[in-house]
Protein backbone atom coordinates (compact mmCIF):
# COMPACT_ATOMS: atom_id res chain seq x y z
CA MET A 1 -0.04 -0.24 -0.25
CA GLU A 2 1.39 3.60 -0.85
CA HIS A 3 1.33 6.31 1.15
CA PRO A 4 -0.43 8.96 0.14
CA TYR A 5 2.34 11.77 1.19
CA LEU A 6 5.97 11.14 1.59
CA PHE A 7 7.50 14.43 2.26
CA LEU A 8 10.86 13.32 0.72
CA VAL A 9 9.94 11.91 -2.19
CA LYS A 10 7.95 15.29 -2.74
CA LEU A 11 11.44 16.94 -2.23
CA PHE A 12 12.61 15.06 -4.81
CA GLU A 13 10.53 15.69 -7.45
CA MET A 14 11.83 19.26 -7.24
CA PHE A 15 14.85 18.27 -8.89
CA GLY A 16 13.67 17.17 -12.05
CA GLU A 17 12.42 13.48 -12.99
CA GLY A 18 15.45 11.73 -12.45
CA PRO A 19 15.55 12.08 -8.80
CA ALA A 20 11.94 11.86 -8.85
CA HIS A 21 11.75 8.28 -10.29
CA PHE A 22 14.56 7.36 -7.94
CA ALA A 23 12.62 8.65 -4.93
CA HIS A 24 9.34 6.83 -6.07
CA ALA A 25 11.03 3.58 -6.27
CA TYR A 26 12.96 3.52 -3.74
CA PRO A 27 12.01 5.77 -0.59
CA HIS A 28 13.35 3.66 1.92
CA VAL A 29 16.85 4.69 0.56
CA ILE A 30 16.18 8.28 0.99
CA TYR A 31 14.64 8.20 4.27
CA SER A 32 17.54 5.39 5.46
CA TRP A 33 19.45 8.30 4.03
CA LEU A 34 17.96 10.73 6.14
CA ILE A 35 17.86 8.62 9.32
CA ILE A 36 21.93 8.01 9.05
CA LEU A 37 22.37 11.49 8.85
CA VAL A 38 20.15 12.27 11.97
CA LEU A 39 21.98 9.91 13.91
CA VAL A 40 25.54 11.07 12.77
CA VAL A 41 24.92 14.55 13.99
CA LEU A 42 23.02 13.84 17.35
CA GLY A 43 26.66 11.66 17.71
CA ALA A 44 28.93 14.27 16.81
CA LEU A 45 26.85 16.59 19.04
CA ALA A 46 26.73 14.11 21.58
CA VAL A 47 30.62 13.75 21.67
CA LYS A 48 31.05 17.42 21.35
CA THR A 49 29.40 18.50 24.61
CA VAL A 50 30.75 15.75 27.13
CA SER A 51 31.80 17.52 30.30
CA LEU A 52 32.74 16.17 33.36
CA VAL A 53 29.71 18.14 34.79
CA PRO A 54 27.16 15.84 32.31
CA THR A 55 24.17 17.95 30.94
CA LYS A 56 20.96 16.53 30.80
CA GLY A 57 21.56 15.19 27.03
CA GLN A 58 25.06 13.56 28.00
CA ASN A 59 23.19 11.90 30.95
CA PHE A 60 20.55 10.49 28.38
CA TYR A 61 23.04 9.17 26.47
CA GLU A 62 25.15 7.78 28.90
CA VAL A 63 22.34 5.96 29.90
CA LEU A 64 21.59 4.38 26.60
CA VAL A 65 24.96 3.29 25.82
CA ASP A 66 25.39 1.65 29.67
CA GLY A 67 21.88 0.22 29.27
CA ILE A 68 23.15 -1.48 25.84
CA GLU A 69 26.69 -2.53 26.73
CA GLU A 70 25.61 -3.78 30.21
CA PHE A 71 22.72 -6.06 28.53
CA MET A 72 25.34 -7.29 25.90
CA ILE A 73 27.94 -8.03 28.38
CA GLY A 74 25.48 -10.38 30.07
CA VAL A 75 24.89 -12.15 27.15
CA THR A 76 28.19 -12.86 25.68
CA GLY A 77 30.25 -12.16 28.69
CA ASP A 78 33.33 -9.41 29.22
CA GLU A 79 35.01 -10.98 26.25
CA GLY A 80 31.77 -9.48 24.01
CA ARG A 81 32.67 -5.91 25.05
CA TRP A 82 34.47 -5.43 21.12
CA LEU A 83 31.13 -6.23 19.50
CA PHE A 84 29.61 -3.01 21.29
CA PRO A 85 29.70 -1.03 18.93
CA LEU A 86 28.49 -2.80 15.78
CA ALA A 87 25.56 -4.57 18.25
CA ALA A 88 24.65 -0.78 19.74
CA THR A 89 24.54 0.30 15.71
CA VAL A 90 22.15 -1.90 14.73
CA PHE A 91 19.90 -1.66 17.80
CA ILE A 92 19.80 1.96 17.56
CA TYR A 93 19.40 2.37 13.62
CA ILE A 94 16.57 -0.42 13.74
CA PHE A 95 14.71 1.03 16.70
CA VAL A 96 14.63 4.77 15.32
CA CYS A 97 13.91 3.39 11.63
CA ASN A 98 10.93 1.55 13.51
CA LEU A 99 9.65 4.76 15.14
CA SER A 100 10.19 7.15 12.24
CA GLY A 101 6.99 5.10 10.70
CA LEU A 102 5.05 7.41 13.27
CA ILE A 103 5.71 10.34 11.96
CA PRO A 104 3.17 11.87 9.15
CA GLY A 105 5.24 12.08 6.38
CA PHE A 106 8.16 9.39 7.04
CA PHE A 107 8.28 6.31 5.60
CA PRO A 108 10.09 3.25 7.85
CA PRO A 109 12.84 2.23 5.73
CA THR A 110 12.44 -1.61 8.08
CA ALA A 111 9.20 -1.70 6.34
CA ASN A 112 11.22 -2.59 3.14
CA ILE A 113 12.73 -6.26 2.83
CA ASN A 114 15.82 -4.42 1.12
CA THR A 115 16.85 -2.62 4.60
CA THR A 116 16.11 -5.77 6.66
CA ALA A 117 17.95 -8.03 4.55
CA SER A 118 20.75 -5.90 4.40
CA CYS A 119 21.09 -5.40 8.43
CA ALA A 120 20.42 -9.46 8.67
CA MET A 121 23.48 -9.72 6.03
CA VAL A 122 25.70 -7.77 7.74
CA VAL A 123 24.78 -9.48 11.38
CA VAL A 124 25.33 -13.02 9.74
CA VAL A 125 28.57 -12.24 7.76
CA PHE A 126 29.89 -10.68 11.04
CA THR A 127 29.06 -13.63 13.00
CA HIS A 128 31.28 -16.01 11.04
CA PHE A 129 34.19 -12.76 10.95
CA ILE A 130 33.99 -13.14 14.76
CA GLY A 131 34.25 -17.33 14.54
CA ILE A 132 37.34 -17.39 11.93
CA LYS A 133 38.78 -14.70 14.34
CA TYR A 134 38.35 -16.90 17.49
CA HIS A 135 39.10 -20.36 16.01
CA GLY A 136 40.79 -20.24 12.67
CA PRO A 137 40.55 -22.72 10.37
CA ALA A 138 39.00 -24.76 13.41
CA TYR A 139 35.91 -22.76 12.75
CA ILE A 140 34.65 -25.62 10.59
CA LYS A 141 33.95 -27.53 13.49
CA HIS A 142 31.20 -25.52 14.19
CA PHE A 143 29.50 -26.91 11.32
CA MET A 144 30.38 -30.18 11.36
CA GLY A 145 28.64 -31.62 14.61
CA PRO A 146 30.55 -33.84 17.81
CA VAL A 147 30.46 -37.28 15.50
CA TRP A 148 32.61 -37.21 12.78
CA TRP A 149 30.19 -40.17 10.40
CA LEU A 150 27.83 -37.46 10.69
CA ALA A 151 29.88 -34.78 10.03
CA PRO A 152 28.54 -34.40 6.00
CA LEU A 153 24.72 -34.39 7.56
CA ILE A 154 25.53 -32.42 10.13
CA PHE A 155 26.97 -29.92 7.65
CA ILE A 156 24.13 -29.46 5.80
CA ILE A 157 21.88 -29.00 8.39
CA GLU A 158 24.22 -26.18 9.90
CA ILE A 159 24.46 -24.31 6.68
CA ILE A 160 20.61 -24.46 6.48
CA GLY A 161 20.40 -23.36 9.73
CA HIS A 162 22.68 -20.14 9.24
CA VAL A 163 20.65 -19.53 5.83
CA ALA A 164 17.71 -19.59 7.81
CA ARG A 165 19.36 -16.90 10.26
CA LEU A 166 19.07 -14.38 7.46
CA LEU A 167 15.91 -15.06 6.60
CA SER A 168 14.13 -15.37 10.11
CA LEU A 169 15.94 -11.88 10.98
CA SER A 170 15.22 -9.94 7.63
CA MET A 171 11.59 -11.50 7.40
CA ARG A 172 10.40 -11.19 10.79
CA LEU A 173 11.50 -7.51 11.22
CA PHE A 174 9.78 -6.64 7.54
CA GLY A 175 6.83 -8.38 8.52
CA ASN A 176 5.89 -6.58 11.53
CA MET A 177 7.37 -3.29 10.39
CA ALA A 178 5.37 -3.45 7.11
CA GLY A 179 2.05 -5.05 8.58
CA HIS A 180 2.04 -1.89 11.42
CA GLU A 181 2.43 0.19 8.28
CA ILE A 182 -0.39 -1.31 6.70
CA VAL A 183 -2.89 -0.90 9.51
CA LEU A 184 -1.83 2.90 10.17
CA ALA A 185 -2.85 3.45 6.59
CA ILE A 186 -6.04 1.88 6.56
CA LEU A 187 -7.36 3.28 9.67
CA PHE A 188 -6.50 6.64 8.44
CA ALA A 189 -7.82 6.04 5.19
CA LEU A 190 -11.26 5.14 7.18
CA ALA A 191 -11.07 7.15 10.33
CA GLY A 192 -8.42 9.35 10.59
CA LEU A 193 -10.68 12.34 11.53
CA PHE A 194 -11.91 10.51 14.47
CA LEU A 195 -8.50 9.78 15.96
CA ALA A 196 -9.06 5.98 15.80
CA PRO A 197 -5.47 5.42 14.78
CA LEU A 198 -3.87 6.88 17.83
CA PRO A 199 -3.96 3.67 19.89
CA ILE A 200 -2.61 1.71 17.07
CA MET A 201 0.55 4.59 17.05
CA GLY A 202 0.95 4.31 20.46
CA LEU A 203 1.23 0.65 20.05
CA GLY A 204 3.48 1.17 17.52
CA ILE A 205 6.24 2.21 19.78
CA PHE A 206 6.28 -0.84 21.96
CA VAL A 207 6.43 -2.62 18.52
CA ALA A 208 9.42 -0.42 17.09
CA PHE A 209 10.76 -1.29 20.35
CA VAL A 210 10.41 -4.94 20.78
CA GLN A 211 11.63 -5.85 17.12
CA ALA A 212 14.54 -3.50 17.14
CA PHE A 213 15.30 -5.78 20.64
CA VAL A 214 14.82 -8.85 18.95
CA PHE A 215 16.88 -8.29 16.41
CA PHE A 216 19.59 -7.43 18.60
CA LEU A 217 19.20 -9.91 21.05
CA LEU A 218 19.32 -12.66 18.19
CA SER A 219 22.56 -10.70 17.27
CA ILE A 220 24.90 -11.04 20.26
CA ILE A 221 23.40 -14.58 20.69
CA TYR A 222 24.73 -15.51 16.94
CA PHE A 223 28.08 -13.14 17.79
CA SER A 224 27.79 -15.26 21.42
CA GLY A 225 27.58 -18.70 19.68
CA ALA A 226 30.89 -18.35 17.14
CA MET A 227 33.04 -17.25 20.20
CA GLU A 228 32.64 -20.61 21.74
CA HIS A 229 34.22 -23.80 20.97
CA ALA A 230 32.75 -26.06 18.84
CA HIS A 231 31.29 -28.96 21.10
């Protein structure tokens, strides 16, 4: 279901037929650019205003970062601390993308399968990078199982399982966010003047957080599994 009005798409239409066609075909890309820009600017401002006497903004960032880090360390152990920048970036980016769909004129990038699949691919590929970093060639043992004569079968099952991780991460997030957008669009079309969509928008904040958290949690579980020795 196409949105009735996307302000960035309208903005691109002012620059000619080429940008307008791109914006209509790939709204998730241009809104993702905007969210990345906003996060970069907010991050730069947060670093610039760091002081010994923290401001309200600094307190907010410290609580946010410390909360995410402590939760992650609880899952991966202290050894997984170096993975925090990637895991936290994935969580914050997805959460803000999810929330952006609640703003009139915005399109949440996570309501497009290309965005969710690209995030999932980063997580899955980096999982194997972690495994190779920690175990070297012995990482292949994670795919062979505990019994040598079952290794060919276990290897195939493990490959299917890792492909399923990619599908699970991307399709779960995409399905929930796309479904939420469709429900909101229908409610606005049928009863927008009577504030009927407001309860769904309130629920959308909870959904945005839960979906980002599930993606983040599964990611760090995969990272932790790659760091462990094969059994």
